[in-house]
Amino acid sequence: MDATRAGVGSDPLAHINVSRLRADLRAVQALGTTSGAMQACTVSADIRQAYGTALRARDEAAAYLHGNRDWTTEDLAEVICGHRADERRVRLIAEWSTTPPHLYDAGHELLHRQQLANELRDLLSEARATAVHHLREAELVLPTDPLTRVHKATDMVRFSSYHLDVVAANRNLYAANLVVHHEWDLDEIAELADAEPDAISSAFDAARTNPPSDADSRSVRELAAIAAAIAARRRHWESARQEAVAECLAAGVAADLIAAHSGREAALT
């Protein structure tokens, strides 16, 4: 389902093309390399951006109905959460969000935007699962020449480290959001995130500026799985680099040449 609808003037979701995002994911699923895994992370980020846009639009419709159409937070919870009992979460969302000056057919808009958010959320989980699968199953393709192997392994360690930092930062932010907005226990969410409590608490200030609808324990679990898979892949490349360095030294390759290809003197220790 694409977000564009006829008859809606300024549609905040008009640029979201679910069909294209799904096609991008299907293309990545056909790959089984480390590159494919990182492409899955990139597609996941695109889907997450679209999902965030859908959430913001959904939140605005909820705020409008609550402030201008006398919908109770229980009414909103039934649409957003599927049951009326989760009133507190919806109240936070409605109070946090900007209320548009006017929203035509707001009840229909809320249903549409929630449906779109649900569709994107499921697609996001599929993309993240694809990233984990590719990372776990990818073969470690190594050049025959040991010096070239040192260079490639070093590049892949850096590449993996960058992606690991990005994934961990997002995981910590979503985890922190659950604590600061939804009163989750820090130690409980740290265990779910497979992260140190201090890493999550350091994201508290950033989480306070994020909407409470960004609180998502499923995202915390999914990003923790991706982080673990990237960390394992990085360990493989680090081991490959160490073995290649040892092979170079045994073959009499100059230490400064090895260091130049590895980018650090520590590779020779």
Protein backbone atom coordinates (compact mmCIF):
# COMPACT_ATOMS: atom_id res chain seq x y z
CA MET A 1 0.00 0.00 0.00
CA ASP A 2 1.32 3.40 -0.94
CA ALA A 3 0.57 6.36 1.28
CA THR A 4 -0.82 8.70 -1.37
CA ARG A 5 -4.63 9.10 -1.41
CA ALA A 6 -6.77 11.06 -3.80
CA GLY A 7 -8.56 14.03 -2.31
CA VAL A 8 -6.10 14.71 0.50
CA GLY A 9 -4.51 18.12 0.04
CA SER A 10 -1.38 18.29 2.18
CA ASP A 11 -0.70 14.65 2.92
CA PRO A 12 2.36 14.27 5.20
CA LEU A 13 2.69 10.68 4.01
CA ALA A 14 2.48 11.33 0.27
CA HIS A 15 6.20 10.70 -0.28
CA ILE A 16 6.17 7.29 1.41
CA ASN A 17 6.24 4.51 -1.17
CA VAL A 18 5.85 1.19 0.61
CA SER A 19 6.03 -0.75 -2.65
CA ARG A 20 9.45 0.72 -3.42
CA LEU A 21 10.73 0.01 0.08
CA ARG A 22 9.51 -3.56 -0.16
CA ALA A 23 11.17 -3.97 -3.56
CA ASP A 24 14.44 -2.61 -2.13
CA LEU A 25 14.25 -5.17 0.65
CA ARG A 26 13.52 -8.03 -1.75
CA ALA A 27 16.60 -7.07 -3.77
CA VAL A 28 18.76 -7.13 -0.65
CA GLN A 29 17.31 -10.48 0.43
CA ALA A 30 18.69 -11.98 -2.76
CA LEU A 31 22.23 -11.19 -1.55
CA GLY A 32 24.14 -13.26 0.97
CA THR A 33 27.30 -11.27 1.51
CA THR A 34 28.50 -8.94 4.22
CA SER A 35 27.82 -6.14 1.75
CA GLY A 36 24.26 -7.42 1.47
CA ALA A 37 23.91 -7.34 5.24
CA MET A 38 25.01 -3.73 5.41
CA GLN A 39 22.67 -2.91 2.52
CA ALA A 40 19.90 -4.48 4.62
CA CYS A 41 20.89 -2.10 7.42
CA THR A 42 20.61 0.80 4.97
CA VAL A 43 17.18 -0.33 3.78
CA SER A 44 16.17 -0.74 7.43
CA ALA A 45 17.15 2.88 8.05
CA ASP A 46 15.03 4.01 5.07
CA ILE A 47 12.05 2.04 6.35
CA ARG A 48 12.59 3.36 9.87
CA GLN A 49 12.55 6.93 8.59
CA ALA A 50 9.26 6.30 6.77
CA TYR A 51 7.88 4.56 9.85
CA GLY A 52 8.85 7.51 12.04
CA THR A 53 7.06 9.86 9.64
CA ALA A 54 3.95 7.69 9.79
CA LEU A 55 4.11 7.65 13.59
CA ARG A 56 4.38 11.45 13.78
CA ALA A 57 1.40 11.81 11.44
CA ARG A 58 -0.55 9.24 13.44
CA ASP A 59 0.28 11.06 16.67
CA GLU A 60 -0.93 14.37 15.23
CA ALA A 61 -4.24 12.80 14.19
CA ALA A 62 -4.61 11.37 17.70
CA ALA A 63 -3.87 14.75 19.28
CA TYR A 64 -6.39 16.45 17.00
CA LEU A 65 -9.14 13.97 17.85
CA HIS A 66 -8.40 14.23 21.55
CA GLY A 67 -8.29 18.03 21.57
CA ASN A 68 -10.97 18.88 19.00
CA ARG A 69 -13.29 15.92 18.61
CA ASP A 70 -13.62 14.76 22.22
CA TRP A 71 -12.10 11.37 21.63
CA THR A 72 -11.01 9.90 24.95
CA THR A 73 -7.58 8.38 25.36
CA GLU A 74 -9.34 5.02 25.73
CA ASP A 75 -10.94 5.57 22.30
CA LEU A 76 -7.53 6.36 20.85
CA ALA A 77 -5.93 3.38 22.56
CA GLU A 78 -8.42 1.06 20.90
CA VAL A 79 -7.28 2.26 17.46
CA ILE A 80 -3.57 2.65 18.20
CA CYS A 81 -2.94 -0.32 20.51
CA GLY A 82 -5.88 -2.58 19.73
CA HIS A 83 -7.34 -2.36 23.22
CA ARG A 84 -8.60 0.37 25.52
CA ALA A 85 -6.50 -0.58 28.54
CA ASP A 86 -3.24 0.99 27.32
CA GLU A 87 -4.56 4.49 28.02
CA ARG A 88 -1.43 5.91 29.63
CA ARG A 89 0.77 5.37 26.57
CA VAL A 90 -1.78 7.01 24.29
CA ARG A 91 -2.27 9.92 26.67
CA LEU A 92 1.47 10.61 26.54
CA ILE A 93 1.38 10.50 22.75
CA ALA A 94 -1.59 12.85 22.53
CA GLU A 95 -0.14 15.32 25.01
CA TRP A 96 3.31 15.33 23.38
CA SER A 97 2.20 15.77 19.78
CA THR A 98 1.52 18.94 17.85
CA THR A 99 -2.19 19.41 17.13
CA PRO A 100 -2.83 20.48 13.52
CA PRO A 101 -5.20 23.47 13.10
CA HIS A 102 -7.54 21.33 11.05
CA LEU A 103 -7.60 17.73 9.91
CA TYR A 104 -10.22 16.66 7.40
CA ASP A 105 -11.96 13.38 8.27
CA ALA A 106 -9.64 12.96 11.25
CA GLY A 107 -11.08 9.62 12.37
CA HIS A 108 -10.38 8.10 8.96
CA GLU A 109 -6.94 9.69 8.92
CA LEU A 110 -6.09 8.12 12.27
CA LEU A 111 -7.10 4.67 10.99
CA HIS A 112 -5.18 5.12 7.74
CA ARG A 113 -2.04 6.40 9.41
CA GLN A 114 -2.11 3.63 12.00
CA GLN A 115 -2.52 1.04 9.25
CA LEU A 116 0.43 2.48 7.37
CA ALA A 117 2.56 2.57 10.53
CA ASN A 118 1.71 -1.09 11.21
CA GLU A 119 2.66 -2.08 7.68
CA LEU A 120 5.98 -0.25 7.87
CA ARG A 121 6.71 -1.67 11.31
CA ASP A 122 6.34 -5.23 10.06
CA LEU A 123 8.51 -4.42 7.04
CA LEU A 124 11.12 -2.95 9.38
CA SER A 125 11.27 -6.15 11.41
CA GLU A 126 11.70 -8.15 8.21
CA ALA A 127 14.55 -5.88 7.06
CA ARG A 128 16.33 -6.16 10.39
CA ALA A 129 15.95 -9.94 10.42
CA THR A 130 17.44 -9.99 6.91
CA ALA A 131 20.45 -8.01 8.13
CA VAL A 132 21.04 -10.45 10.99
CA HIS A 133 20.68 -13.46 8.67
CA HIS A 134 23.11 -12.08 6.10
CA LEU A 135 25.64 -11.16 8.77
CA ARG A 136 25.53 -14.62 10.30
CA GLU A 137 25.61 -16.53 7.02
CA ALA A 138 28.02 -14.44 4.95
CA GLU A 139 31.25 -16.09 3.89
CA LEU A 140 34.53 -14.44 4.82
CA VAL A 141 36.02 -13.82 1.38
CA LEU A 142 39.78 -13.29 1.72
CA PRO A 143 42.42 -12.34 -0.87
CA THR A 144 45.21 -14.86 -1.42
CA ASP A 145 48.01 -12.32 -0.97
CA PRO A 146 48.55 -11.85 2.78
CA LEU A 147 49.43 -8.13 2.54
CA THR A 148 46.27 -7.47 0.53
CA ARG A 149 44.42 -9.52 3.11
CA VAL A 150 45.73 -7.24 5.89
CA HIS A 151 44.44 -4.21 4.01
CA LYS A 152 41.00 -5.66 3.30
CA ALA A 153 40.56 -7.00 6.83
CA THR A 154 41.50 -3.60 8.26
CA ASP A 155 38.97 -1.87 6.03
CA MET A 156 36.26 -4.33 7.06
CA VAL A 157 37.05 -3.91 10.76
CA ARG A 158 36.65 -0.15 10.38
CA PHE A 159 33.48 -0.58 8.30
CA SER A 160 31.98 -2.96 10.86
CA SER A 161 32.96 -0.71 13.76
CA TYR A 162 31.21 2.27 12.18
CA HIS A 163 27.98 0.35 11.65
CA LEU A 164 28.18 -1.16 15.13
CA ASP A 165 28.46 2.31 16.66
CA VAL A 166 25.41 3.52 14.71
CA VAL A 167 23.28 0.50 15.61
CA ALA A 168 24.31 0.62 19.28
CA ALA A 169 23.51 4.34 19.50
CA ASN A 170 20.01 3.77 18.09
CA ARG A 171 19.46 0.77 20.36
CA ASN A 172 20.48 2.82 23.39
CA LEU A 173 18.22 5.71 22.37
CA TYR A 174 15.14 3.51 22.00
CA ALA A 175 15.94 1.81 25.28
CA ALA A 176 16.37 5.17 27.02
CA ASN A 177 13.03 6.31 25.60
CA LEU A 178 11.31 3.41 27.36
CA VAL A 179 12.88 4.48 30.65
CA VAL A 180 12.30 8.24 30.51
CA HIS A 181 8.83 8.21 28.94
CA HIS A 182 7.33 4.88 29.96
CA GLU A 183 8.94 4.14 33.33
CA TRP A 184 10.75 0.95 32.38
CA ASP A 185 13.37 -0.22 34.85
CA LEU A 186 16.86 0.65 33.61
CA ASP A 187 18.38 -2.72 34.50
CA GLU A 188 15.49 -4.53 32.84
CA ILE A 189 15.84 -2.66 29.57
CA ALA A 190 19.65 -2.95 29.69
CA GLU A 191 19.29 -6.73 29.85
CA LEU A 192 16.87 -6.67 26.92
CA ALA A 193 19.28 -4.45 24.96
CA ASP A 194 22.34 -6.53 25.89
CA ALA A 195 23.99 -3.25 26.88
CA GLU A 196 25.50 -1.67 29.94
CA PRO A 197 23.05 0.47 31.97
CA ASP A 198 25.46 3.42 31.73
CA ALA A 199 25.32 3.27 27.92
CA ILE A 200 21.54 3.63 28.08
CA SER A 201 21.45 6.26 30.80
CA SER A 202 23.87 8.38 28.75
CA ALA A 203 21.10 8.61 26.12
CA PHE A 204 18.47 9.89 28.58
CA ASP A 205 18.82 13.55 27.57
CA ALA A 206 18.41 12.72 23.89
CA ALA A 207 15.46 10.44 24.64
CA ARG A 208 13.64 13.21 26.49
CA THR A 209 13.50 15.21 23.26
CA ASN A 210 12.15 12.24 21.30
CA PRO A 211 8.42 11.50 21.05
CA PRO A 212 7.13 8.82 23.44
CA SER A 213 5.82 6.87 20.45
CA ASP A 214 9.46 6.09 19.60
CA ALA A 215 9.54 3.81 22.65
CA ASP A 216 9.65 0.35 21.11
CA SER A 217 10.91 -2.72 22.95
CA ARG A 218 10.80 -4.73 19.72
CA SER A 219 13.27 -2.29 18.16
CA VAL A 220 15.54 -2.68 21.18
CA ARG A 221 15.58 -6.47 20.75
CA GLU A 222 16.06 -6.26 16.99
CA LEU A 223 18.90 -3.75 17.18
CA ALA A 224 20.56 -5.77 19.93
CA ALA A 225 20.53 -8.78 17.59
CA ILE A 226 22.03 -6.73 14.75
CA ALA A 227 24.70 -5.32 17.08
CA ALA A 228 25.64 -8.81 18.23
CA ALA A 229 25.84 -10.05 14.63
CA ILE A 230 28.02 -7.10 13.54
CA ALA A 231 30.29 -7.58 16.56
CA ALA A 232 30.73 -11.25 15.66
CA ARG A 233 31.53 -10.33 12.05
CA ARG A 234 34.06 -7.74 13.24
CA ARG A 235 35.75 -10.38 15.42
CA HIS A 236 36.09 -12.60 12.34
CA TRP A 237 37.79 -9.81 10.40
CA GLU A 238 40.03 -8.95 13.36
CA SER A 239 41.13 -12.58 13.56
CA ALA A 240 41.73 -12.64 9.80
CA ARG A 241 43.86 -9.50 10.07
CA GLN A 242 45.96 -10.94 12.89
CA GLU A 243 46.55 -14.13 10.93
CA ALA A 244 47.48 -12.19 7.79
CA VAL A 245 49.89 -9.98 9.76
CA ALA A 246 51.55 -13.07 11.22
CA GLU A 247 51.85 -14.59 7.75
CA CYS A 248 53.41 -11.40 6.40
CA LEU A 249 55.97 -11.25 9.23
CA ALA A 250 56.84 -14.93 8.72
CA ALA A 251 57.39 -14.23 5.02
CA GLY A 252 59.79 -11.38 5.84
CA VAL A 253 57.54 -8.49 4.78
CA ALA A 254 58.81 -5.23 6.26
CA ALA A 255 57.02 -4.20 9.43
CA ASP A 256 56.48 -0.62 8.27
CA LEU A 257 54.84 -1.87 5.07
CA ILE A 258 52.48 -4.09 7.07
CA ALA A 259 51.70 -1.17 9.36
CA ALA A 260 50.89 1.02 6.38
CA HIS A 261 48.37 -1.54 5.13
CA SER A 262 46.87 -2.14 8.57
CA GLY A 263 46.71 1.52 9.51
CA ARG A 264 48.13 1.05 12.97
CA GLU A 265 51.29 -0.14 14.69
CA ALA A 266 49.21 -2.29 17.04
CA ALA A 267 48.63 -4.72 14.19
CA LEU A 268 52.24 -5.87 14.55
CA THR A 269 51.93 -6.82 18.22
